[in-house]
Amino acid sequence: MTSDLLVSKNMLYPIALFGLIFGIVTVTFDLRSLGIPLAMGMVLPFLALICNFITVAVLIVDVFKNNLSAKYLWTLAFLFAGCIAGVFYLMNRTLYLPMK
């Protein structure tokens, strides 16, 4: 038996993508050279971190609620890769869920 996500998939995709994009952009580029003030440049990584935490927490709960065979591997992937693994899991979630 499969269970639904704690947060709907339509809300979790944008949260995961926001965390992924701003997590990479704020670490890779100097935002002050793009005209973004320093205060906002400090807020964006914090928002990306919050989005990563929400995505990882929801997906770890989903993996354990659905009792996937590779739940420990997915948990490690979520913890170490964050939203990269999260977006990949969300795109292919129906393939990994156990069939009746």
Protein backbone atom coordinates (compact mmCIF):
# COMPACT_ATOMS: atom_id res chain seq x y z
CA MET A 1 0.00 0.00 0.00
CA THR A 2 1.39 3.37 -0.95
CA SER A 3 0.83 6.54 1.00
CA ASP A 4 0.75 10.12 -0.19
CA LEU A 5 3.41 12.72 0.46
CA LEU A 6 3.07 14.92 3.55
CA VAL A 7 3.11 17.97 1.26
CA SER A 8 1.46 17.81 -2.16
CA LYS A 9 3.73 17.15 -5.10
CA ASN A 10 2.67 20.46 -6.70
CA MET A 11 4.07 22.36 -3.71
CA LEU A 12 7.12 20.17 -3.13
CA TYR A 13 8.50 20.55 -6.68
CA PRO A 14 8.88 24.36 -6.46
CA ILE A 15 10.32 24.10 -2.94
CA ALA A 16 12.89 21.54 -4.09
CA LEU A 17 13.78 23.48 -7.24
CA PHE A 18 14.13 26.73 -5.28
CA GLY A 19 16.47 25.01 -2.83
CA LEU A 20 18.45 23.42 -5.64
CA ILE A 21 18.82 26.53 -7.80
CA PHE A 22 19.51 29.05 -5.06
CA GLY A 23 21.73 26.61 -3.20
CA ILE A 24 23.97 26.27 -6.25
CA VAL A 25 23.77 29.91 -7.38
CA THR A 26 24.55 31.47 -4.02
CA VAL A 27 27.57 29.23 -3.48
CA THR A 28 28.91 29.54 -7.03
CA PHE A 29 28.42 33.22 -7.88
CA ASP A 30 29.19 36.43 -6.03
CA LEU A 31 25.76 38.03 -5.87
CA ARG A 32 27.12 41.50 -5.08
CA SER A 33 28.59 41.70 -8.58
CA LEU A 34 25.06 41.16 -9.94
CA GLY A 35 23.76 44.16 -8.02
CA ILE A 36 22.13 42.19 -5.21
CA PRO A 37 22.75 43.81 -1.80
CA LEU A 38 24.76 41.93 0.80
CA ALA A 39 21.77 41.55 3.14
CA MET A 40 19.72 39.83 0.43
CA GLY A 41 22.74 37.76 -0.52
CA MET A 42 22.76 36.43 3.04
CA VAL A 43 19.02 35.70 3.05
CA LEU A 44 18.97 33.61 -0.15
CA PRO A 45 21.30 30.84 1.15
CA PHE A 46 19.21 30.70 4.34
CA LEU A 47 16.01 30.27 2.29
CA ALA A 48 17.72 27.61 0.17
CA LEU A 49 18.75 25.78 3.34
CA ILE A 50 15.18 25.88 4.68
CA CYS A 51 13.84 24.58 1.35
CA ASN A 52 16.42 21.77 1.37
CA PHE A 53 15.44 20.82 4.92
CA ILE A 54 11.71 20.72 4.09
CA THR A 55 12.29 18.65 0.96
CA VAL A 56 14.62 16.17 2.65
CA ALA A 57 12.37 15.74 5.71
CA VAL A 58 9.24 15.13 3.61
CA LEU A 59 10.98 12.67 1.31
CA ILE A 60 12.66 10.70 4.10
CA VAL A 61 9.27 10.28 5.77
CA ASP A 62 7.79 9.22 2.42
CA VAL A 63 10.49 6.61 1.81
CA PHE A 64 9.97 5.04 5.23
CA LYS A 65 6.14 5.22 5.10
CA ASN A 66 6.12 3.40 1.76
CA ASN A 67 8.72 0.87 3.00
CA LEU A 68 10.92 0.97 -0.08
CA SER A 69 13.54 -1.74 -0.37
CA ALA A 70 16.33 0.85 -0.76
CA LYS A 71 15.07 3.20 1.95
CA TYR A 72 18.45 3.50 3.67
CA LEU A 73 20.20 4.26 0.39
CA TRP A 74 17.60 6.93 -0.43
CA THR A 75 17.99 8.39 3.04
CA LEU A 76 21.75 8.72 2.57
CA ALA A 77 21.22 10.24 -0.86
CA PHE A 78 18.77 12.80 0.54
CA LEU A 79 21.07 13.70 3.43
CA PHE A 80 24.23 14.07 1.34
CA ALA A 81 22.86 15.34 -1.99
CA GLY A 82 19.80 17.22 -0.69
CA CYS A 83 17.52 18.54 -3.36
CA ILE A 84 19.47 16.97 -6.23
CA ALA A 85 18.41 13.51 -5.06
CA GLY A 86 15.04 14.92 -3.99
CA VAL A 87 14.14 16.23 -7.44
CA PHE A 88 15.30 12.94 -9.01
CA TYR A 89 13.16 10.95 -6.57
CA LEU A 90 10.12 13.16 -7.13
CA MET A 91 10.38 12.82 -10.91
CA ASN A 92 10.54 9.02 -10.71
CA ARG A 93 8.55 8.40 -7.53
CA THR A 94 5.92 6.16 -9.13
CA LEU A 95 8.64 3.81 -10.39
CA TYR A 96 10.05 3.26 -6.90
CA LEU A 97 6.78 2.74 -5.05
CA PRO A 98 5.88 -0.91 -4.38
CA MET A 99 3.11 -2.32 -6.52
CA LYS A 100 0.10 -4.13 -5.06
